[in-house]
Each structure stands twice: as structure tokens, then as C-alpha cells.
Protein backbone atom coordinates (compact mmCIF):
# COMPACT_ATOMS: atom_id res chain seq x y z
CA UNK A 1 0.09 -0.28 -0.01
CA UNK A 2 1.10 3.31 -1.11
CA UNK A 3 1.45 6.18 2.01
CA UNK A 4 -0.92 8.77 1.21
CA UNK A 5 -0.10 12.45 2.87
CA UNK A 6 -2.22 15.19 3.06
CA UNK A 7 -1.44 18.71 4.31
CA UNK A 8 -3.92 19.83 7.27
CA UNK A 9 -4.46 23.05 9.24
CA UNK A 10 -5.08 22.29 12.97
CA UNK A 11 -8.65 23.67 14.12
CA UNK A 12 -8.30 26.08 17.35
CA UNK A 13 -11.73 26.75 18.90
CA UNK A 14 -12.33 28.52 22.24
CA UNK A 15 -13.10 25.77 24.78
CA UNK A 16 -16.43 25.38 26.22
CA UNK A 17 -17.83 24.13 29.37
CA UNK A 18 -15.75 24.85 32.69
CA UNK A 19 -12.63 25.60 31.08
CA UNK A 20 -11.35 28.86 31.97
CA UNK A 21 -11.58 31.96 29.99
CA UNK A 22 -7.89 31.39 27.79
CA UNK A 23 -9.27 27.29 27.24
CA UNK A 24 -8.73 26.37 23.95
CA UNK A 25 -9.59 23.13 21.99
CA UNK A 26 -7.57 21.78 18.77
CA UNK A 27 -8.91 19.28 15.98
CA UNK A 28 -7.53 18.14 12.58
CA UNK A 29 -10.37 17.32 9.89
CA UNK A 30 -9.73 13.81 8.53
CA UNK A 31 -10.66 13.30 4.66
CA UNK A 32 -14.12 11.00 4.80
CA UNK A 33 -12.06 8.32 2.15
CA UNK A 34 -9.52 7.77 4.88
CA UNK A 35 -12.28 7.50 7.71
CA UNK A 36 -14.26 5.25 5.76
CA UNK A 37 -10.94 2.56 5.08
CA UNK A 38 -10.85 3.15 8.84
CA UNK A 39 -14.06 1.20 9.20
CA UNK A 40 -15.15 4.33 11.79
CA UNK A 41 -19.00 4.82 11.56
CA UNK A 42 -21.68 6.41 13.77
CA UNK A 43 -22.40 3.78 16.11
CA UNK A 44 -18.09 2.32 15.80
CA UNK A 45 -16.15 5.65 16.27
CA UNK A 46 -13.54 4.30 19.05
CA UNK A 47 -10.10 4.71 17.48
CA UNK A 48 -6.81 4.91 19.12
CA UNK A 49 -4.41 8.11 19.15
CA UNK A 50 -0.64 7.83 19.68
CA UNK A 51 2.12 10.50 20.57
CA UNK A 52 5.41 10.03 21.79
CA UNK A 53 5.79 13.00 23.37
CA UNK A 54 8.44 14.25 21.40
CA UNK A 55 7.05 14.37 17.32
CA UNK A 56 4.12 15.87 16.48
CA UNK A 57 3.13 12.85 14.77
CA UNK A 58 -0.04 10.98 15.32
CA UNK A 59 -0.98 7.30 14.32
CA UNK A 60 -4.68 6.94 13.98
CA UNK A 61 -6.00 3.45 13.79
CA UNK A 62 -9.19 1.89 13.52
CA UNK A 63 -10.59 -0.57 16.47
CA UNK A 64 -8.62 -3.41 17.30
CA UNK A 65 -10.16 -6.79 16.32
CA UNK A 66 -9.07 -9.21 18.91
CA UNK A 67 -7.94 -12.14 16.98
CA UNK A 68 -5.88 -9.40 14.51
CA UNK A 69 -3.98 -8.47 17.24
CA UNK A 70 -3.07 -12.11 18.52
CA UNK A 71 -1.86 -13.00 15.06
CA UNK A 72 -0.13 -10.01 14.77
CA UNK A 73 1.64 -10.43 17.97
CA UNK A 74 2.30 -13.76 17.16
CA UNK A 75 3.83 -13.24 14.02
CA UNK A 76 6.07 -10.62 15.64
CA UNK A 77 7.09 -13.11 18.01
CA UNK A 78 5.86 -10.45 20.81
CA UNK A 79 5.92 -11.78 24.42
CA UNK A 80 2.25 -12.59 25.20
CA UNK A 81 -0.02 -12.90 27.75
CA UNK A 82 -3.37 -14.46 27.30
CA UNK A 83 -6.24 -14.74 30.05
CA UNK A 84 -10.38 -14.95 29.84
CA UNK A 85 -12.06 -13.20 32.76
CA UNK A 86 -14.90 -15.01 34.13
CA UNK A 87 -17.84 -13.94 36.29
CA UNK A 88 -18.63 -17.31 37.88
CA UNK A 89 -18.30 -20.09 35.52
CA UNK A 90 -19.08 -17.85 32.61
CA UNK A 91 -16.45 -16.34 29.97
CA UNK A 92 -16.84 -12.30 30.23
CA UNK A 93 -13.65 -11.47 28.43
CA UNK A 94 -10.86 -12.58 26.79
CA UNK A 95 -7.59 -10.13 27.21
CA UNK A 96 -4.44 -10.48 25.05
CA UNK A 97 -1.77 -8.71 26.64
CA UNK A 98 1.37 -7.89 24.00
CA UNK A 99 4.21 -7.18 27.12
CA UNK A 100 6.91 -6.35 24.21
CA UNK A 101 4.95 -3.77 22.61
CA UNK A 102 2.55 -2.70 25.86
CA UNK A 103 -0.53 -2.92 24.32
CA UNK A 104 -3.46 -4.93 24.53
CA UNK A 105 -6.60 -6.37 22.80
CA UNK A 106 -10.02 -7.35 24.40
CA UNK A 107 -13.12 -9.24 23.49
CA UNK A 108 -15.74 -9.46 25.51
CA UNK A 109 -18.48 -12.49 25.57
CA UNK A 110 -21.18 -10.86 27.04
CA UNK A 111 -23.15 -8.14 26.52
CA UNK A 112 -23.74 -7.09 30.32
CA UNK A 113 -21.29 -4.50 31.16
CA UNK A 114 -20.83 -4.98 34.39
CA UNK A 115 -19.53 -8.64 34.03
CA UNK A 116 -16.44 -7.78 31.49
CA UNK A 117 -12.84 -6.33 32.91
CA UNK A 118 -12.82 -2.77 31.35
CA UNK A 119 -16.69 -2.33 31.62
CA UNK A 120 -17.47 0.35 28.61
CA UNK A 121 -13.90 0.68 27.85
CA UNK A 122 -13.42 -1.26 24.22
CA UNK A 123 -9.99 -0.06 23.74
CA UNK A 124 -8.50 -0.01 27.48
CA UNK A 125 -4.61 1.10 27.26
CA UNK A 126 -1.57 0.33 29.46
CA UNK A 127 -2.60 2.21 32.12
CA UNK A 128 -5.86 0.51 32.00
CA UNK A 129 -4.50 -2.66 32.63
CA UNK A 130 -1.91 -2.10 35.34
CA UNK A 131 -5.41 -0.79 37.23
CA UNK A 132 -7.22 -4.07 36.34
CA UNK A 133 -4.55 -6.00 37.60
CA UNK A 134 -4.42 -4.10 40.85
CA UNK A 135 -8.20 -3.99 41.11
CA UNK A 136 -7.94 -7.80 41.52
CA UNK A 137 -5.05 -8.02 44.20
CA UNK A 138 -5.24 -6.87 47.59
CA UNK A 139 -4.78 -3.03 48.39
CA UNK A 140 -0.85 -2.06 48.08
CA UNK A 141 -1.88 -0.16 51.40
CA UNK A 142 -3.70 -3.03 53.64
CA UNK A 143 -2.42 -3.83 56.64
CA UNK A 144 -0.49 -6.75 57.25
CA UNK A 145 0.46 -7.17 53.30
CA UNK A 146 4.09 -8.31 53.67
CA UNK A 147 2.34 -11.28 55.95
CA UNK A 148 -0.22 -11.94 52.99
CA UNK A 149 2.63 -11.63 50.70
CA UNK A 150 4.76 -14.01 52.46
CA UNK A 151 1.55 -16.81 52.85
CA UNK A 152 1.68 -16.36 48.82
CA UNK A 153 5.28 -17.13 48.38
CA UNK A 154 6.27 -13.58 47.44
CA UNK A 155 8.51 -11.14 48.67
CA UNK A 156 6.99 -8.10 46.93
CA UNK A 157 3.78 -6.76 45.70
CA UNK A 158 3.48 -8.03 42.07
CA UNK A 159 0.07 -7.72 40.72
CA UNK A 160 0.40 -10.44 37.74
CA UNK A 161 2.29 -12.61 40.50
CA UNK A 162 -0.38 -12.18 42.71
CA UNK A 163 -2.97 -13.25 40.60
CA UNK A 164 -0.68 -15.98 39.29
CA UNK A 165 -1.88 -17.38 43.12
CA UNK A 166 -5.21 -16.22 43.77
CA UNK A 167 -6.83 -16.20 40.10
CA UNK A 168 -7.61 -12.72 41.26
CA UNK A 169 -10.30 -13.69 43.11
CA UNK A 170 -11.91 -11.19 45.42
CA UNK A 171 -14.56 -11.43 48.43
CA UNK A 172 -16.50 -9.08 46.76
CA UNK A 173 -17.50 -11.10 43.48
CA UNK A 174 -17.37 -14.33 41.75
CA UNK A 175 -15.28 -12.91 39.63
CA UNK A 176 -12.03 -14.75 38.37
CA UNK A 177 -9.06 -14.97 35.71
CA UNK A 178 -7.54 -18.02 34.23
CA UNK A 179 -4.15 -17.59 32.40
CA UNK A 180 -4.53 -19.34 29.19
CA UNK A 181 -1.00 -18.69 27.53
CA UNK A 182 2.31 -16.72 29.33
């Protein structure tokens, strides 16, 4: 596929809502043909934006389809972690974590948002992943944490290591995690 480039202007508007008097919002209009190729439509318009903090470049990509994400990461020989998130005996979310690229893709297997791993978030990022792991573990601030970790055979607080020992089971719900690969 040939790389297509277009020049664009950044649209700068006065920000509304609770923004201060000097608040501004910035937008870039995308060519409709590109948006169509990405598969973005009224009912499917979540995208992943990337910025490295140094370059003024942005990569915009359509929603990550789980199987394609998994196949690509395997083709690249990345370090993968695949988990299944259950509510009781019901598989609710399949999670594929590319630990090399620090990205993930999910596939919800239920329409019950309250039973899915990331709720309404269909495109969790690395920070969402870290928060999810900690949400399925004992709190870092818990009194007696070192005793608890010693009982699990762990020397330090590591959410993934804790989940490997406890399956992410919590007293508050019937949810748990099965590590399928990794």
C-alpha cells in the first residue's frame, strides 16, 4: 500500500464547559476516504491515538480486532499473555496482552457490561491494564500486606504474580481470571 500524505490545518476553538477563559480545543479534520477505510462509523468510532511526546506525529488506527491483534503479535514473536476473565462459570472477556509492545486487545463475550473486565472501555490502554490487575488484588495499603505476600510465597507486591497465585479472586464478587498462555 502506498503512503498517502495530505497537509491539514489544526482547527483552534475556544473551549467550552468548565474550561477557563483562555481555554482552547484543538482538532484536525480527517479526509472522509481515510475514515471510511478505517471502518469508523456512527456506531463504531473509538480509535487509538498515539503520540511519543517528542514528535508532532499521530497514528490513528481503527478499533483493534482481537484475533488480528493476537495473530500480529504472534507473527512478531512478541511476549504474549492471554487471560480469560470469568464471572462465576461464564467467560466474560478474553484479554490478549502484548507485553513487548505494551498494548492489549480484548474481546467481550457478554453484553453485560458489569461483568466485563474493563466495563464500557472497549479499547483499554496499558494504564487501564495495570489498574485492572491491581483491582483484582489485595490493596497495596492493606495492613498486614507483607504477611499476606509471604503466605503466597512472594517477596514483593506484584499484581500479576498475585493473580497467578489467587486467580484474581476477591471476596466482593464471583469474578476470577484464568491465565491461558504466558
